[in-house]
C-alpha atoms as a PDB file:
ATOM      1  CA  MET A   1      -5.296 -57.284 -13.359  1.00  0.00           C
ATOM      2  CA  ASN A   2      -2.585 -59.640 -14.669  1.00  0.00           C
ATOM      3  CA  GLY A   3       0.972 -58.931 -13.424  1.00  0.00           C
ATOM      4  CA  ASN A   4       2.260 -56.709 -16.226  1.00  0.00           C
ATOM      5  CA  THR A   5      -0.322 -53.940 -14.995  1.00  0.00           C
ATOM      6  CA  ILE A   6       0.207 -54.615 -11.779  1.00  0.00           C
ATOM      7  CA  LEU A   7       4.004 -54.171 -12.189  1.00  0.00           C
ATOM      8  CA  LYS A   8       4.035 -51.231 -14.428  1.00  0.00           C
ATOM      9  CA  GLU A   9       1.669 -49.271 -11.668  1.00  0.00           C
ATOM     10  CA  ILE A  10       4.048 -50.585  -8.949  1.00  0.00           C
ATOM     11  CA  ARG A  11       7.360 -49.013 -11.431  1.00  0.00           C
ATOM     12  CA  LYS A  12       5.460 -45.774 -11.808  1.00  0.00           C
ATOM     13  CA  THR A  13       4.229 -45.310  -8.273  1.00  0.00           C
ATOM     14  CA  ARG A  14       7.918 -45.652  -7.189  1.00  0.00           C
ATOM     15  CA  ASP A  15       8.786 -42.795  -9.918  1.00  0.00           C
ATOM     16  CA  GLU A  16       6.863 -41.104  -9.052  1.00  0.00           C
ATOM     17  CA  HIS A  17       7.856 -41.134  -5.609  1.00  0.00           C
ATOM     18  CA  ALA A  18      11.531 -40.573  -6.688  1.00  0.00           C
ATOM     19  CA  LYS A  19      11.298 -37.677  -8.520  1.00  0.00           C
ATOM     20  CA  GLU A  20       9.840 -36.418  -5.859  1.00  0.00           C
ATOM     21  CA  HIS A  21      12.882 -36.250  -3.677  1.00  0.00           C
ATOM     22  CA  GLY A  22      15.292 -35.362  -6.722  1.00  0.00           C
ATOM     23  CA  TYR A  23      16.085 -39.329  -7.334  1.00  0.00           C
ATOM     24  CA  ASN A  24      18.097 -38.677  -4.486  1.00  0.00           C
ATOM     25  CA  VAL A  25      17.950 -41.973  -2.416  1.00  0.00           C
ATOM     26  CA  HIS A  26      19.374 -40.174   0.574  1.00  0.00           C
ATOM     27  CA  LYS A  27      16.167 -37.571   0.933  1.00  0.00           C
ATOM     28  CA  ILE A  28      13.979 -41.032  -0.314  1.00  0.00           C
ATOM     29  CA  PHE A  29      15.592 -42.886   2.893  1.00  0.00           C
ATOM     30  CA  GLU A  30      15.308 -40.045   4.831  1.00  0.00           C
ATOM     31  CA  GLN A  31      11.855 -39.276   4.086  1.00  0.00           C
ATOM     32  CA  LEU A  32      10.896 -43.668   4.661  1.00  0.00           C
ATOM     33  CA  ARG A  33      12.716 -42.542   8.252  1.00  0.00           C
ATOM     34  CA  LEU A  34      10.582 -40.063   9.130  1.00  0.00           C
ATOM     35  CA  GLU A  35       7.925 -41.080   8.535  1.00  0.00           C
ATOM     36  CA  THR A  36       7.547 -44.220  10.044  1.00  0.00           C
ATOM     37  CA  GLU A  37       9.010 -42.906  13.082  1.00  0.00           C
ATOM     38  CA  LYS A  38       5.788 -40.880  12.575  1.00  0.00           C
ATOM     39  CA  LEU A  39       4.084 -43.830  12.179  1.00  0.00           C
ATOM     40  CA  LYS A  40       5.713 -45.057  16.111  1.00  0.00           C
ATOM     41  CA  SER A  41       4.620 -42.011  17.532  1.00  0.00           C
ATOM     42  CA  GLU A  42       0.809 -42.378  16.298  1.00  0.00           C
ATOM     43  CA  GLY A  43       1.256 -45.605  17.593  1.00  0.00           C
ATOM     44  CA  TRP A  44       1.510 -47.924  15.119  1.00  0.00           C
ATOM     45  CA  GLN A  45       3.405 -51.056  15.670  1.00  0.00           C
ATOM     46  CA  VAL A  46       7.055 -50.793  13.339  1.00  0.00           C
ATOM     47  CA  VAL A  47       8.557 -54.654  12.659  1.00  0.00           C
ATOM     48  CA  ASN A  48      12.329 -54.297  12.209  1.00  0.00           C
ATOM     49  CA  LYS A  49      13.278 -57.437  10.201  1.00  0.00           C
ATOM     50  CA  GLN A  50      16.289 -57.870  11.225  1.00  0.00           C
ATOM     51  CA  ASN A  51      15.218 -58.170  15.114  1.00  0.00           C
ATOM     52  CA  LEU A  52      12.366 -60.632  13.292  1.00  0.00           C
ATOM     53  CA  ALA A  53      15.347 -63.223  11.298  1.00  0.00           C
ATOM     54  CA  LEU A  54      17.133 -63.236  14.725  1.00  0.00           C
ATOM     55  CA  ASN A  55      14.779 -64.297  16.939  1.00  0.00           C
ATOM     56  CA  HIS A  56      13.494 -66.648  14.458  1.00  0.00           C
ATOM     57  CA  LYS A  57      17.099 -69.373  14.584  1.00  0.00           C
END
């Protein structure tokens, strides 16, 4: 699989996800926030990149 094929698949998936939410960025991020909270409640460890950057100074 070459890089172009991978990028095409990523863009296709991204477009499908955006289409599901009417290309509304607020709805997209709300869905991502809800999914993150669901994963946390199931016991998954969710890493905050901002906290990681602060801890590596």
